[in-house]
Amino acid sequence: MERDKEKIWIVIDTNILISALIKDDSITSKIIKSGI
């Protein structure tokens, strides 16, 4: 199994998700939308 081909799972809390939706240019929003 090659590490660079598998994606890491992250758990998103409701507060974090709402914050990312409100602040579109935030680091959290960019991480969520990155597809990494």
Full PDB file with SEQRES, HELIX, SHEET, SSBOND, CRYST1, ORIGX, SCALE, CONECT and MASTER records, all heavy atoms in Angstrom:
SEQRES   1 A   36  MET GLU ARG ASP LYS GLU LYS ILE TRP ILE VAL ILE ASP          
SEQRES   2 A   36  THR ASN ILE LEU ILE SER ALA LEU ILE LYS ASP ASP SER          
SEQRES   3 A   36  ILE THR SER LYS ILE ILE LYS SER GLY ILE                      
HELIX    1 AA1 THR A   14  ILE A   22  1                                   9    
HELIX    2 AA2 ILE A   27  SER A   34  1                                   8    
CRYST1    1.000    1.000    1.000  90.00  90.00  90.00 P 1           1          
ORIGX1      1.000000  0.000000  0.000000        0.00000                         
ORIGX2      0.000000  1.000000  0.000000        0.00000                         
ORIGX3      0.000000  0.000000  1.000000        0.00000                         
SCALE1      1.000000  0.000000  0.000000        0.00000                         
SCALE2      0.000000  1.000000  0.000000        0.00000                         
SCALE3      0.000000  0.000000  1.000000        0.00000                         
ATOM      1  N   MET A   1       0.843  -1.189   0.000  1.00  0.00           N  
ATOM      2  CA  MET A   1       0.000   0.000   0.000  1.00  0.00           C  
ATOM      3  C   MET A   1       0.888   1.252   0.000  1.00  0.00           C  
ATOM      4  O   MET A   1       1.684   1.445   0.886  1.00  0.00           O  
ATOM      5  CB  MET A   1      -0.856  -0.025   1.273  1.00  0.00           C  
ATOM      6  CG  MET A   1      -2.176   0.537   1.082  1.00  0.00           C  
ATOM      7  SD  MET A   1      -3.416   0.292   2.393  1.00  0.00           S  
ATOM      8  CE  MET A   1      -2.598  -0.058   3.872  1.00  0.00           C  
ATOM      9  N   GLU A   2       0.729   2.065  -0.994  1.00  0.00           N  
ATOM     10  CA  GLU A   2       1.524   3.279  -1.079  1.00  0.00           C  
ATOM     11  C   GLU A   2       0.812   4.417  -0.360  1.00  0.00           C  
ATOM     12  O   GLU A   2      -0.345   4.699  -0.607  1.00  0.00           O  
ATOM     13  CB  GLU A   2       1.748   3.653  -2.536  1.00  0.00           C  
ATOM     14  CG  GLU A   2       2.607   2.637  -3.260  1.00  0.00           C  
ATOM     15  CD  GLU A   2       2.817   3.032  -4.695  1.00  0.00           C  
ATOM     16  OE1 GLU A   2       2.811   4.241  -4.991  1.00  0.00           O  
ATOM     17  OE2 GLU A   2       2.988   2.123  -5.523  1.00  0.00           O  
ATOM     18  N   ARG A   3       1.503   5.067   0.519  1.00  0.00           N  
ATOM     19  CA  ARG A   3       0.930   6.116   1.361  1.00  0.00           C  
ATOM     20  C   ARG A   3       0.431   7.309   0.553  1.00  0.00           C  
ATOM     21  O   ARG A   3      -0.580   7.906   0.882  1.00  0.00           O  
ATOM     22  CB  ARG A   3       1.975   6.576   2.385  1.00  0.00           C  
ATOM     23  CG  ARG A   3       1.468   7.551   3.367  1.00  0.00           C  
ATOM     24  CD  ARG A   3       0.544   6.851   4.301  1.00  0.00           C  
ATOM     25  NE  ARG A   3       0.152   7.779   5.347  1.00  0.00           N  
ATOM     26  CZ  ARG A   3      -0.903   7.639   6.060  1.00  0.00           C  
ATOM     27  NH1 ARG A   3      -1.692   6.618   5.888  1.00  0.00           N  
ATOM     28  NH2 ARG A   3      -1.210   8.497   6.985  1.00  0.00           N  
ATOM     29  N   ASP A   4       1.133   7.670  -0.506  1.00  0.00           N  
ATOM     30  CA  ASP A   4       0.743   8.860  -1.257  1.00  0.00           C  
ATOM     31  C   ASP A   4      -0.505   8.660  -2.110  1.00  0.00           C  
ATOM     32  O   ASP A   4      -1.095   9.612  -2.581  1.00  0.00           O  
ATOM     33  CB  ASP A   4       1.896   9.371  -2.114  1.00  0.00           C  
ATOM     34  CG  ASP A   4       2.403   8.334  -3.102  1.00  0.00           C  
ATOM     35  OD1 ASP A   4       2.219   7.124  -2.862  1.00  0.00           O  
ATOM     36  OD2 ASP A   4       3.001   8.741  -4.104  1.00  0.00           O  
ATOM     37  N   LYS A   5      -0.946   7.421  -2.291  1.00  0.00           N  
ATOM     38  CA  LYS A   5      -2.142   7.170  -3.091  1.00  0.00           C  
ATOM     39  C   LYS A   5      -3.406   7.063  -2.253  1.00  0.00           C  
ATOM     40  O   LYS A   5      -4.493   7.196  -2.770  1.00  0.00           O  
ATOM     41  CB  LYS A   5      -1.966   5.901  -3.915  1.00  0.00           C  
ATOM     42  CG  LYS A   5      -0.990   6.077  -5.043  1.00  0.00           C  
ATOM     43  CD  LYS A   5      -1.014   4.898  -5.966  1.00  0.00           C  
ATOM     44  CE  LYS A   5      -0.081   5.151  -7.135  1.00  0.00           C  
ATOM     45  NZ  LYS A   5      -0.124   4.060  -8.096  1.00  0.00           N  
ATOM     46  N   GLU A   6      -3.268   6.795  -0.974  1.00  0.00           N  
ATOM     47  CA  GLU A   6      -4.453   6.682  -0.131  1.00  0.00           C  
ATOM     48  C   GLU A   6      -4.729   8.024   0.551  1.00  0.00           C  
ATOM     49  O   GLU A   6      -3.815   8.778   0.853  1.00  0.00           O  
ATOM     50  CB  GLU A   6      -4.309   5.578   0.900  1.00  0.00           C  
ATOM     51  CG  GLU A   6      -3.228   5.829   1.925  1.00  0.00           C  
ATOM     52  CD  GLU A   6      -3.083   4.680   2.894  1.00  0.00           C  
ATOM     53  OE1 GLU A   6      -2.680   3.605   2.454  1.00  0.00           O  
ATOM     54  OE2 GLU A   6      -3.365   4.878   4.083  1.00  0.00           O  
ATOM     55  N   LYS A   7      -5.990   8.300   0.751  1.00  0.00           N  
ATOM     56  CA  LYS A   7      -6.362   9.558   1.391  1.00  0.00           C  
ATOM     57  C   LYS A   7      -6.556   9.333   2.883  1.00  0.00           C  
ATOM     58  O   LYS A   7      -6.963   8.260   3.320  1.00  0.00           O  
ATOM     59  CB  LYS A   7      -7.656  10.106   0.792  1.00  0.00           C  
ATOM     60  CG  LYS A   7      -7.484  10.580  -0.622  1.00  0.00           C  
ATOM     61  CD  LYS A   7      -8.727  11.246  -1.130  1.00  0.00           C  
ATOM     62  CE  LYS A   7      -8.530  11.740  -2.543  1.00  0.00           C  
ATOM     63  NZ  LYS A   7      -9.696  12.436  -3.052  1.00  0.00           N  
ATOM     64  N   ILE A   8      -6.265  10.341   3.640  1.00  0.00           N  
ATOM     65  CA  ILE A   8      -6.431  10.299   5.087  1.00  0.00           C  
ATOM     66  C   ILE A   8      -7.853  10.736   5.420  1.00  0.00           C  
ATOM     67  O   ILE A   8      -8.348  11.731   4.886  1.00  0.00           O  
ATOM     68  CB  ILE A   8      -5.418  11.224   5.777  1.00  0.00           C  
ATOM     69  CG1 ILE A   8      -3.996  10.756   5.475  1.00  0.00           C  
ATOM     70  CG2 ILE A   8      -5.660  11.284   7.272  1.00  0.00           C  
ATOM     71  CD1 ILE A   8      -2.924  11.713   5.918  1.00  0.00           C  
ATOM     72  N   TRP A   9      -8.501   9.996   6.294  1.00  0.00           N  
ATOM     73  CA  TRP A   9      -9.846  10.354   6.742  1.00  0.00           C  
ATOM     74  C   TRP A   9      -9.751  11.384   7.859  1.00  0.00           C  
ATOM     75  O   TRP A   9      -8.919  11.262   8.753  1.00  0.00           O  
ATOM     76  CB  TRP A   9     -10.568   9.128   7.303  1.00  0.00           C  
ATOM     77  CG  TRP A   9     -11.107   8.227   6.255  1.00  0.00           C  
ATOM     78  CD1 TRP A   9     -10.458   7.184   5.662  1.00  0.00           C  
ATOM     79  CD2 TRP A   9     -12.393   8.280   5.660  1.00  0.00           C  
ATOM     80  NE1 TRP A   9     -11.265   6.585   4.738  1.00  0.00           N  
ATOM     81  CE2 TRP A   9     -12.468   7.231   4.715  1.00  0.00           C  
ATOM     82  CE3 TRP A   9     -13.498   9.110   5.835  1.00  0.00           C  
ATOM     83  CZ2 TRP A   9     -13.600   7.003   3.958  1.00  0.00           C  
ATOM     84  CZ3 TRP A   9     -14.619   8.876   5.075  1.00  0.00           C  
ATOM     85  CH2 TRP A   9     -14.661   7.841   4.149  1.00  0.00           C  
ATOM     86  N   ILE A  10     -10.582  12.413   7.786  1.00  0.00           N  
ATOM     87  CA  ILE A  10     -10.700  13.344   8.908  1.00  0.00           C  
ATOM     88  C   ILE A  10     -12.174  13.463   9.281  1.00  0.00           C  
ATOM     89  O   ILE A  10     -13.053  13.342   8.444  1.00  0.00           O  
ATOM     90  CB  ILE A  10     -10.100  14.743   8.600  1.00  0.00           C  
ATOM     91  CG1 ILE A  10     -10.775  15.406   7.398  1.00  0.00           C  
ATOM     92  CG2 ILE A  10      -8.613  14.655   8.377  1.00  0.00           C  
ATOM     93  CD1 ILE A  10     -10.336  16.829   7.178  1.00  0.00           C  
ATOM     94  N   VAL A  11     -12.408  13.669  10.567  1.00  0.00           N  
ATOM     95  CA  VAL A  11     -13.763  13.822  11.079  1.00  0.00           C  
ATOM     96  C   VAL A  11     -14.029  15.306  11.255  1.00  0.00           C  
ATOM     97  O   VAL A  11     -13.222  16.023  11.835  1.00  0.00           O  
ATOM     98  CB  VAL A  11     -13.925  13.099  12.440  1.00  0.00           C  
ATOM     99  CG1 VAL A  11     -15.317  13.312  13.001  1.00  0.00           C  
ATOM    100  CG2 VAL A  11     -13.625  11.622  12.285  1.00  0.00           C  
ATOM    101  N   ILE A  12     -15.153  15.746  10.713  1.00  0.00           N  
ATOM    102  CA  ILE A  12     -15.521  17.158  10.783  1.00  0.00           C  
ATOM    103  C   ILE A  12     -16.636  17.345  11.798  1.00  0.00           C  
ATOM    104  O   ILE A  12     -17.670  16.689  11.725  1.00  0.00           O  
ATOM    105  CB  ILE A  12     -16.002  17.671   9.409  1.00  0.00           C  
ATOM    106  CG1 ILE A  12     -14.909  17.521   8.363  1.00  0.00           C  
ATOM    107  CG2 ILE A  12     -16.462  19.113   9.497  1.00  0.00           C  
ATOM    108  CD1 ILE A  12     -13.728  18.411   8.562  1.00  0.00           C  
ATOM    109  N   ASP A  13     -16.425  18.248  12.724  1.00  0.00           N  
ATOM    110  CA  ASP A  13     -17.426  18.627  13.709  1.00  0.00           C  
ATOM    111  C   ASP A  13     -18.383  19.633  13.059  1.00  0.00           C  
ATOM    112  O   ASP A  13     -18.011  20.356  12.136  1.00  0.00           O  
ATOM    113  CB  ASP A  13     -16.701  19.267  14.900  1.00  0.00           C  
ATOM    114  CG  ASP A  13     -17.645  19.755  15.961  1.00  0.00           C  
ATOM    115  OD1 ASP A  13     -18.236  18.923  16.665  1.00  0.00           O  
ATOM    116  OD2 ASP A  13     -17.800  20.989  16.070  1.00  0.00           O  
ATOM    117  N   THR A  14     -19.619  19.671  13.541  1.00  0.00           N  
ATOM    118  CA  THR A  14     -20.614  20.588  12.978  1.00  0.00           C  
ATOM    119  C   THR A  14     -20.142  22.040  13.032  1.00  0.00           C  
ATOM    120  O   THR A  14     -20.283  22.785  12.059  1.00  0.00           O  
ATOM    121  CB  THR A  14     -21.963  20.456  13.716  1.00  0.00           C  
ATOM    122  OG1 THR A  14     -22.394  19.105  13.625  1.00  0.00           O  
ATOM    123  CG2 THR A  14     -23.009  21.355  13.091  1.00  0.00           C  
ATOM    124  N   ASN A  15     -19.560  22.449  14.141  1.00  0.00           N  
ATOM    125  CA  ASN A  15     -19.093  23.835  14.270  1.00  0.00           C  
ATOM    126  C   ASN A  15     -18.001  24.158  13.255  1.00  0.00           C  
ATOM    127  O   ASN A  15     -17.980  25.245  12.678  1.00  0.00           O  
ATOM    128  CB  ASN A  15     -18.564  24.088  15.685  1.00  0.00           C  
ATOM    129  CG  ASN A  15     -19.659  24.031  16.712  1.00  0.00           C  
ATOM    130  OD1 ASN A  15     -20.796  24.402  16.451  1.00  0.00           O  
ATOM    131  ND2 ASN A  15     -19.329  23.549  17.890  1.00  0.00           N  
ATOM    132  N   ILE A  16     -17.128  23.202  13.020  1.00  0.00           N  
ATOM    133  CA  ILE A  16     -16.055  23.399  12.040  1.00  0.00           C  
ATOM    134  C   ILE A  16     -16.630  23.500  10.632  1.00  0.00           C  
ATOM    135  O   ILE A  16     -16.234  24.354   9.842  1.00  0.00           O  
ATOM    136  CB  ILE A  16     -15.034  22.240  12.118  1.00  0.00           C  
ATOM    137  CG1 ILE A  16     -14.403  22.140  13.509  1.00  0.00           C  
ATOM    138  CG2 ILE A  16     -13.982  22.371  11.042  1.00  0.00           C  
ATOM    139  CD1 ILE A  16     -13.630  23.356  13.940  1.00  0.00           C  
ATOM    140  N   LEU A  17     -17.568  22.627  10.317  1.00  0.00           N  
ATOM    141  CA  LEU A  17     -18.181  22.643   8.992  1.00  0.00           C  
ATOM    142  C   LEU A  17     -18.927  23.953   8.738  1.00  0.00           C  
ATOM    143  O   LEU A  17     -18.770  24.574   7.686  1.00  0.00           O  
ATOM    144  CB  LEU A  17     -19.133  21.460   8.823  1.00  0.00           C  
ATOM    145  CG  LEU A  17     -19.825  21.352   7.473  1.00  0.00           C  
ATOM    146  CD1 LEU A  17     -18.814  21.224   6.352  1.00  0.00           C  
ATOM    147  CD2 LEU A  17     -20.787  20.183   7.458  1.00  0.00           C  
ATOM    148  N   ILE A  18     -19.706  24.393   9.701  1.00  0.00           N  
ATOM    149  CA  ILE A  18     -20.448  25.659   9.553  1.00  0.00           C  
ATOM    150  C   ILE A  18     -19.486  26.827   9.399  1.00  0.00           C  
ATOM    151  O   ILE A  18     -19.674  27.702   8.556  1.00  0.00           O  
ATOM    152  CB  ILE A  18     -21.412  25.874  10.732  1.00  0.00           C  
ATOM    153  CG1 ILE A  18     -22.545  24.857  10.642  1.00  0.00           C  
ATOM    154  CG2 ILE A  18     -21.954  27.296  10.744  1.00  0.00           C  
ATOM    155  CD1 ILE A  18     -23.479  24.853  11.827  1.00  0.00           C  
ATOM    156  N   SER A  19     -18.422  26.815  10.189  1.00  0.00           N  
ATOM    157  CA  SER A  19     -17.425  27.876  10.085  1.00  0.00           C  
ATOM    158  C   SER A  19     -16.801  27.905   8.691  1.00  0.00           C  
ATOM    159  O   SER A  19     -16.607  28.969   8.113  1.00  0.00           O  
ATOM    160  CB  SER A  19     -16.336  27.655  11.137  1.00  0.00           C  
ATOM    161  OG  SER A  19     -15.303  28.590  10.996  1.00  0.00           O  
ATOM    162  N   ALA A  20     -16.503  26.722   8.147  1.00  0.00           N  
ATOM    163  CA  ALA A  20     -15.909  26.645   6.810  1.00  0.00           C  
ATOM    164  C   ALA A  20     -16.891  27.120   5.742  1.00  0.00           C  
ATOM    165  O   ALA A  20     -16.490  27.703   4.735  1.00  0.00           O  
ATOM    166  CB  ALA A  20     -15.466  25.218   6.519  1.00  0.00           C  
ATOM    167  N   LEU A  21     -18.173  26.861   5.945  1.00  0.00           N  
ATOM    168  CA  LEU A  21     -19.179  27.310   4.985  1.00  0.00           C  
ATOM    169  C   LEU A  21     -19.357  28.829   5.029  1.00  0.00           C  
ATOM    170  O   LEU A  21     -19.590  29.465   4.006  1.00  0.00           O  
ATOM    171  CB  LEU A  21     -20.518  26.624   5.261  1.00  0.00           C  
ATOM    172  CG  LEU A  21     -20.567  25.121   4.992  1.00  0.00           C  
ATOM    173  CD1 LEU A  21     -21.883  24.540   5.504  1.00  0.00           C  
ATOM    174  CD2 LEU A  21     -20.378  24.831   3.521  1.00  0.00           C  
ATOM    175  N   ILE A  22     -19.240  29.395   6.212  1.00  0.00           N  
ATOM    176  CA  ILE A  22     -19.418  30.847   6.372  1.00  0.00           C  
ATOM    177  C   ILE A  22     -18.186  31.606   5.870  1.00  0.00           C  
ATOM    178  O   ILE A  22     -18.304  32.605   5.173  1.00  0.00           O  
ATOM    179  CB  ILE A  22     -19.706  31.195   7.846  1.00  0.00           C  
ATOM    180  CG1 ILE A  22     -21.077  30.659   8.239  1.00  0.00           C  
ATOM    181  CG2 ILE A  22     -19.618  32.698   8.080  1.00  0.00           C  
ATOM    182  CD1 ILE A  22     -21.391  30.770   9.716  1.00  0.00           C  
ATOM    183  N   LYS A  23     -17.011  31.127   6.261  1.00  0.00           N  
ATOM    184  CA  LYS A  23     -15.759  31.797   5.886  1.00  0.00           C  
ATOM    185  C   LYS A  23     -15.110  31.028   4.743  1.00  0.00           C  
ATOM    186  O   LYS A  23     -14.249  30.177   4.953  1.00  0.00           O  
ATOM    187  CB  LYS A  23     -14.821  31.866   7.088  1.00  0.00           C  
ATOM    188  CG  LYS A  23     -15.367  32.669   8.229  1.00  0.00           C  
ATOM    189  CD  LYS A  23     -14.409  32.655   9.395  1.00  0.00           C  
ATOM    190  CE  LYS A  23     -14.977  33.438  10.560  1.00  0.00           C  
ATOM    191  NZ  LYS A  23     -14.081  33.370  11.714  1.00  0.00           N  
ATOM    192  N   ASP A  24     -15.505  31.334   3.546  1.00  0.00           N  
ATOM    193  CA  ASP A  24     -15.075  30.608   2.353  1.00  0.00           C  
ATOM    194  C   ASP A  24     -13.568  30.684   2.113  1.00  0.00           C  
ATOM    195  O   ASP A  24     -12.983  29.797   1.495  1.00  0.00           O  
ATOM    196  CB  ASP A  24     -15.824  31.128   1.132  1.00  0.00           C  
ATOM    197  CG  ASP A  24     -15.686  30.220  -0.061  1.00  0.00           C  
ATOM    198  OD1 ASP A  24     -15.754  28.985   0.138  1.00  0.00           O  
ATOM    199  OD2 ASP A  24     -15.511  30.731  -1.166  1.00  0.00           O  
ATOM    200  N   ASP A  25     -12.911  31.722   2.595  1.00  0.00           N  
ATOM    201  CA  ASP A  25     -11.473  31.876   2.356  1.00  0.00           C  
ATOM    202  C   ASP A  25     -10.615  31.408   3.531  1.00  0.00           C  
ATOM    203  O   ASP A  25      -9.413  31.625   3.553  1.00  0.00           O  
ATOM    204  CB  ASP A  25     -11.149  33.329   2.007  1.00  0.00           C  
ATOM    205  CG  ASP A  25     -11.490  34.293   3.133  1.00  0.00           C  
ATOM    206  OD1 ASP A  25     -12.322  33.945   3.995  1.00  0.00           O  
ATOM    207  OD2 ASP A  25     -10.932  35.403   3.147  1.00  0.00           O  
ATOM    208  N   SER A  26     -11.222  30.727   4.505  1.00  0.00           N  
ATOM    209  CA  SER A  26     -10.476  30.264   5.674  1.00  0.00           C  
ATOM    210  C   SER A  26      -9.620  29.050   5.337  1.00  0.00           C  
ATOM    211  O   SER A  26      -9.864  28.346   4.347  1.00  0.00           O  
ATOM    212  CB  SER A  26     -11.430  29.905   6.820  1.00  0.00           C  
ATOM    213  OG  SER A  26     -12.180  28.755   6.495  1.00  0.00           O  
ATOM    214  N   ILE A  27      -8.632  28.801   6.162  1.00  0.00           N  
ATOM    215  CA  ILE A  27      -7.760  27.639   5.990  1.00  0.00           C  
ATOM    216  C   ILE A  27      -8.583  26.356   6.060  1.00  0.00           C  
ATOM    217  O   ILE A  27      -8.396  25.440   5.252  1.00  0.00           O  
ATOM    218  CB  ILE A  27      -6.660  27.620   7.078  1.00  0.00           C  
ATOM    219  CG1 ILE A  27      -5.753  28.833   6.954  1.00  0.00           C  
ATOM    220  CG2 ILE A  27      -5.869  26.317   7.024  1.00  0.00           C  
ATOM    221  CD1 ILE A  27      -4.895  28.859   5.727  1.00  0.00           C  
ATOM    222  N   THR A  28      -9.505  26.290   7.012  1.00  0.00           N  
ATOM    223  CA  THR A  28     -10.347  25.105   7.172  1.00  0.00           C  
ATOM    224  C   THR A  28     -11.157  24.845   5.914  1.00  0.00           C  
ATOM    225  O   THR A  28     -11.255  23.704   5.452  1.00  0.00           O  
ATOM    226  CB  THR A  28     -11.290  25.277   8.377  1.00  0.00           C  
ATOM    227  OG1 THR A  28     -10.518  25.613   9.528  1.00  0.00           O  
ATOM    228  CG2 THR A  28     -12.073  24.021   8.640  1.00  0.00           C  
ATOM    229  N   SER A  29     -11.738  25.871   5.366  1.00  0.00           N  
ATOM    230  CA  SER A  29     -12.518  25.730   4.141  1.00  0.00           C  
ATOM    231  C   SER A  29     -11.647  25.222   2.992  1.00  0.00           C  
ATOM    232  O   SER A  29     -12.053  24.346   2.235  1.00  0.00           O  
ATOM    233  CB  SER A  29     -13.141  27.073   3.768  1.00  0.00           C  
ATOM    234  OG  SER A  29     -13.877  26.972   2.589  1.00  0.00           O  
ATOM    235  N   LYS A  30     -10.458  25.753   2.873  1.00  0.00           N  
ATOM    236  CA  LYS A  30      -9.541  25.330   1.811  1.00  0.00           C  
ATOM    237  C   LYS A  30      -9.135  23.869   1.979  1.00  0.00           C  
ATOM    238  O   LYS A  30      -9.027  23.133   0.999  1.00  0.00           O  
ATOM    239  CB  LYS A  30      -8.315  26.238   1.783  1.00  0.00           C  
ATOM    240  CG  LYS A  30      -8.635  27.636   1.312  1.00  0.00           C  
ATOM    241  CD  LYS A  30      -7.440  28.539   1.386  1.00  0.00           C  
ATOM    242  CE  LYS A  30      -7.837  29.954   0.980  1.00  0.00           C  
ATOM    243  NZ  LYS A  30      -6.740  30.896   1.115  1.00  0.00           N  
ATOM    244  N   ILE A  31      -8.918  23.437   3.224  1.00  0.00           N  
ATOM    245  CA  ILE A  31      -8.550  22.044   3.494  1.00  0.00           C  
ATOM    246  C   ILE A  31      -9.693  21.115   3.111  1.00  0.00           C  
ATOM    247  O   ILE A  31      -9.492  20.090   2.460  1.00  0.00           O  
ATOM    248  CB  ILE A  31      -8.163  21.856   4.975  1.00  0.00           C  
ATOM    249  CG1 ILE A  31      -6.816  22.536   5.253  1.00  0.00           C  
ATOM    250  CG2 ILE A  31      -8.101  20.377   5.339  1.00  0.00           C  
ATOM    251  CD1 ILE A  31      -6.447  22.604   6.712  1.00  0.00           C  
ATOM    252  N   ILE A  32     -10.918  21.476   3.516  1.00  0.00           N  
ATOM    253  CA  ILE A  32     -12.085  20.648   3.227  1.00  0.00           C  
ATOM    254  C   ILE A  32     -12.305  20.530   1.719  1.00  0.00           C  
ATOM    255  O   ILE A  32     -12.598  19.464   1.196  1.00  0.00           O  
ATOM    256  CB  ILE A  32     -13.342  21.213   3.921  1.00  0.00           C  
ATOM    257  CG1 ILE A  32     -13.215  21.035   5.436  1.00  0.00           C  
ATOM    258  CG2 ILE A  32     -14.614  20.541   3.408  1.00  0.00           C  
ATOM    259  CD1 ILE A  32     -14.297  21.731   6.234  1.00  0.00           C  
ATOM    260  N   LYS A  33     -12.138  21.623   1.000  1.00  0.00           N  
ATOM    261  CA  LYS A  33     -12.384  21.643  -0.440  1.00  0.00           C  
ATOM    262  C   LYS A  33     -11.220  21.121  -1.279  1.00  0.00           C  
ATOM    263  O   LYS A  33     -11.378  20.886  -2.464  1.00  0.00           O  
ATOM    264  CB  LYS A  33     -12.708  23.068  -0.889  1.00  0.00           C  
ATOM    265  CG  LYS A  33     -14.007  23.586  -0.323  1.00  0.00           C  
ATOM    266  CD  LYS A  33     -14.211  25.019  -0.716  1.00  0.00           C  
ATOM    267  CE  LYS A  33     -15.473  25.594  -0.110  1.00  0.00           C  
ATOM    268  NZ  LYS A  33     -15.631  27.008  -0.451  1.00  0.00           N  
ATOM    269  N   SER A  34     -10.069  20.922  -0.665  1.00  0.00           N  
ATOM    270  CA  SER A  34      -8.868  20.539  -1.410  1.00  0.00           C  
ATOM    271  C   SER A  34      -8.944  19.151  -2.040  1.00  0.00           C  
ATOM    272  O   SER A  34      -8.294  18.896  -3.040  1.00  0.00           O  
ATOM    273  CB  SER A  34      -7.642  20.595  -0.497  1.00  0.00           C  
ATOM    274  OG  SER A  34      -7.683  19.537   0.450  1.00  0.00           O  
ATOM    275  N   GLY A  35      -9.704  18.263  -1.434  1.00  0.00           N  
ATOM    276  CA  GLY A  35      -9.780  16.902  -1.945  1.00  0.00           C  
ATOM    277  C   GLY A  35      -8.630  16.023  -1.489  1.00  0.00           C  
ATOM    278  O   GLY A  35      -8.529  14.870  -1.882  1.00  0.00           O  
ATOM    279  N   ILE A  36      -7.758  16.553  -0.672  1.00  0.00           N  
ATOM    280  CA  ILE A  36      -6.629  15.782  -0.151  1.00  0.00           C  
ATOM    281  C   ILE A  36      -7.108  14.741   0.848  1.00  0.00           C  
ATOM    282  O   ILE A  36      -6.572  13.646   0.922  1.00  0.00           O  
ATOM    283  CB  ILE A  36      -5.593  16.714   0.509  1.00  0.00           C  
ATOM    284  CG1 ILE A  36      -4.990  17.641  -0.540  1.00  0.00           C  
ATOM    285  CG2 ILE A  36      -4.508  15.916   1.215  1.00  0.00           C  
ATOM    286  CD1 ILE A  36      -4.124  18.731   0.046  1.00  0.00           C  
TER     287      ILE A  36                                                      
MASTER        0    0    0    2    0    0    0    6  286    1    0    3          
END                                                                             
